[in-house]
N, C-alpha and C. Protein backbone atom coordinates (compact mmCIF):
# COMPACT_ATOMS: atom_id res chain seq x y z
N MET A 1 4.40 7.68 13.13
CA MET A 1 4.60 6.33 12.63
C MET A 1 3.81 6.17 11.34
N SER A 2 4.29 5.29 10.49
CA SER A 2 3.68 5.10 9.18
C SER A 2 3.02 3.73 9.07
N SER A 3 2.26 3.56 7.99
CA SER A 3 1.60 2.29 7.69
C SER A 3 1.85 1.95 6.23
N TYR A 4 1.84 0.65 5.94
CA TYR A 4 2.14 0.17 4.60
C TYR A 4 1.13 -0.91 4.23
N ARG A 5 0.58 -0.84 3.00
CA ARG A 5 -0.49 -1.74 2.56
C ARG A 5 -0.01 -2.64 1.43
N CYS A 6 -0.40 -3.91 1.53
CA CYS A 6 -0.15 -4.88 0.46
C CYS A 6 -1.13 -4.57 -0.68
N PRO A 7 -0.64 -4.40 -1.90
CA PRO A 7 -1.52 -4.07 -3.02
C PRO A 7 -2.38 -5.24 -3.51
N VAL A 8 -2.10 -6.44 -3.03
CA VAL A 8 -2.87 -7.60 -3.46
C VAL A 8 -4.07 -7.86 -2.54
N CYS A 9 -3.82 -7.89 -1.22
CA CYS A 9 -4.89 -8.28 -0.30
C CYS A 9 -5.29 -7.19 0.69
N ASP A 10 -4.62 -6.03 0.62
CA ASP A 10 -4.92 -4.89 1.49
C ASP A 10 -4.51 -5.07 2.95
N TYR A 11 -3.69 -6.09 3.25
CA TYR A 11 -3.12 -6.20 4.60
C TYR A 11 -2.36 -4.91 4.89
N VAL A 12 -2.47 -4.38 6.09
CA VAL A 12 -1.77 -3.15 6.46
C VAL A 12 -0.80 -3.44 7.61
N TYR A 13 0.47 -3.10 7.39
CA TYR A 13 1.46 -3.14 8.46
C TYR A 13 1.53 -1.74 9.04
N ASP A 14 1.21 -1.61 10.31
CA ASP A 14 1.23 -0.33 11.01
C ASP A 14 2.40 -0.35 11.99
N GLU A 15 3.32 0.59 11.83
CA GLU A 15 4.50 0.62 12.69
C GLU A 15 4.11 0.74 14.17
N ALA A 16 3.04 1.44 14.47
CA ALA A 16 2.62 1.63 15.86
C ALA A 16 2.21 0.33 16.53
N THR A 17 1.56 -0.55 15.78
CA THR A 17 1.09 -1.82 16.36
C THR A 17 2.02 -2.98 16.04
N GLY A 18 2.89 -2.82 15.02
CA GLY A 18 3.79 -3.90 14.64
C GLY A 18 3.03 -5.10 14.11
N ALA A 19 3.65 -6.26 14.21
CA ALA A 19 3.02 -7.53 13.83
C ALA A 19 3.60 -8.59 14.77
N PRO A 20 3.14 -8.59 16.02
CA PRO A 20 3.70 -9.51 17.01
C PRO A 20 3.70 -10.98 16.58
N HIS A 21 2.66 -11.41 15.87
CA HIS A 21 2.59 -12.80 15.40
C HIS A 21 3.66 -13.10 14.35
N GLU A 22 4.25 -12.04 13.76
CA GLU A 22 5.32 -12.19 12.78
C GLU A 22 6.69 -11.91 13.41
N GLY A 23 6.69 -11.57 14.70
CA GLY A 23 7.94 -11.30 15.39
C GLY A 23 8.34 -9.84 15.44
N PHE A 24 7.42 -8.93 15.09
CA PHE A 24 7.70 -7.50 15.10
C PHE A 24 6.84 -6.82 16.15
N PRO A 25 7.42 -6.49 17.31
CA PRO A 25 6.64 -5.87 18.38
C PRO A 25 6.17 -4.46 18.00
N PRO A 26 5.19 -3.93 18.72
CA PRO A 26 4.74 -2.56 18.47
C PRO A 26 5.92 -1.60 18.47
N GLY A 27 5.89 -0.66 17.53
CA GLY A 27 6.97 0.31 17.41
C GLY A 27 8.06 -0.09 16.43
N THR A 28 7.97 -1.29 15.84
CA THR A 28 8.97 -1.73 14.87
C THR A 28 8.80 -0.93 13.59
N THR A 29 9.83 -0.18 13.21
CA THR A 29 9.74 0.64 12.00
C THR A 29 9.80 -0.22 10.75
N TRP A 30 9.30 0.32 9.66
CA TRP A 30 9.31 -0.38 8.37
C TRP A 30 10.74 -0.69 7.95
N ASP A 31 11.66 0.22 8.23
CA ASP A 31 13.06 -0.01 7.88
C ASP A 31 13.66 -1.18 8.64
N SER A 32 13.10 -1.53 9.78
CA SER A 32 13.60 -2.65 10.59
C SER A 32 13.04 -4.00 10.13
N VAL A 33 12.01 -3.98 9.31
CA VAL A 33 11.43 -5.21 8.78
C VAL A 33 12.34 -5.69 7.64
N PRO A 34 12.75 -6.97 7.64
CA PRO A 34 13.66 -7.46 6.60
C PRO A 34 13.09 -7.28 5.19
N ASP A 35 13.95 -6.99 4.23
CA ASP A 35 13.52 -6.78 2.85
C ASP A 35 12.84 -8.01 2.25
N GLU A 36 13.22 -9.21 2.70
CA GLU A 36 12.65 -10.43 2.13
C GLU A 36 11.32 -10.83 2.79
N TRP A 37 10.85 -10.01 3.75
CA TRP A 37 9.58 -10.29 4.43
C TRP A 37 8.43 -10.23 3.43
N CYS A 38 7.54 -11.20 3.50
CA CYS A 38 6.37 -11.25 2.61
C CYS A 38 5.10 -10.99 3.41
N CYS A 39 4.07 -10.60 2.72
CA CYS A 39 2.78 -10.34 3.34
C CYS A 39 2.32 -11.59 4.11
N PRO A 40 1.96 -11.45 5.39
CA PRO A 40 1.54 -12.61 6.16
C PRO A 40 0.14 -13.11 5.79
N ASP A 41 -0.65 -12.31 5.09
CA ASP A 41 -1.99 -12.74 4.70
C ASP A 41 -2.01 -13.46 3.36
N CYS A 42 -1.34 -12.91 2.36
CA CYS A 42 -1.41 -13.54 1.03
C CYS A 42 -0.09 -14.18 0.61
N GLY A 43 1.03 -13.74 1.21
CA GLY A 43 2.32 -14.37 0.97
C GLY A 43 2.93 -14.17 -0.40
N VAL A 44 2.32 -13.40 -1.26
CA VAL A 44 2.86 -13.28 -2.61
C VAL A 44 3.64 -12.00 -2.88
N ARG A 45 3.54 -11.05 -1.98
CA ARG A 45 4.25 -9.79 -2.20
C ARG A 45 5.40 -9.65 -1.23
N GLU A 46 6.46 -9.03 -1.69
CA GLU A 46 7.59 -8.73 -0.84
C GLU A 46 7.45 -7.31 -0.30
N LYS A 47 8.24 -6.99 0.69
CA LYS A 47 8.18 -5.68 1.34
C LYS A 47 8.25 -4.54 0.33
N VAL A 48 9.07 -4.67 -0.68
CA VAL A 48 9.26 -3.61 -1.66
C VAL A 48 7.96 -3.28 -2.41
N ASP A 49 7.03 -4.22 -2.46
CA ASP A 49 5.77 -4.01 -3.18
C ASP A 49 4.71 -3.27 -2.38
N PHE A 50 4.91 -3.13 -1.07
CA PHE A 50 3.93 -2.45 -0.22
C PHE A 50 3.91 -0.96 -0.52
N ASP A 51 2.73 -0.35 -0.38
CA ASP A 51 2.55 1.08 -0.58
C ASP A 51 2.39 1.76 0.77
N GLU A 52 3.07 2.89 0.97
CA GLU A 52 2.86 3.66 2.19
C GLU A 52 1.48 4.31 2.12
N VAL A 53 0.73 4.20 3.19
CA VAL A 53 -0.63 4.75 3.22
C VAL A 53 -0.86 5.55 4.49
N ASP A 54 -1.85 6.42 4.41
CA ASP A 54 -2.32 7.15 5.58
C ASP A 54 -3.55 6.39 6.06
N VAL A 55 -3.40 5.61 7.12
CA VAL A 55 -4.48 4.75 7.58
C VAL A 55 -5.71 5.55 7.97
N ARG A 56 -5.51 6.72 8.53
CA ARG A 56 -6.66 7.54 8.94
C ARG A 56 -7.52 7.92 7.75
N GLU A 57 -6.90 8.12 6.60
CA GLU A 57 -7.65 8.53 5.41
C GLU A 57 -7.83 7.39 4.43
N GLY A 58 -7.05 6.30 4.59
CA GLY A 58 -7.15 5.16 3.70
C GLY A 58 -6.64 5.44 2.30
N ILE A 59 -5.71 6.38 2.18
CA ILE A 59 -5.19 6.72 0.85
C ILE A 59 -3.69 6.48 0.77
N ARG A 60 -3.24 6.24 -0.44
CA ARG A 60 -1.82 6.03 -0.69
C ARG A 60 -1.10 7.36 -0.62
N LYS A 61 0.10 7.34 -0.04
CA LYS A 61 0.91 8.55 0.01
C LYS A 61 1.74 8.68 -1.24
């Protein structure tokens, strides 16, 4: 499973944990998240702006 980071506020969407408060249960893939979804922490970035990251290493892929 992959993780994606907002470049503005560093919020991380992790496919393994999902975002239940946003309606995405654990295991929800990034492709299943709607394209118009915005960062739940800062609200200014769209899904397309997120960077795929390796959470274990904290680096951008």
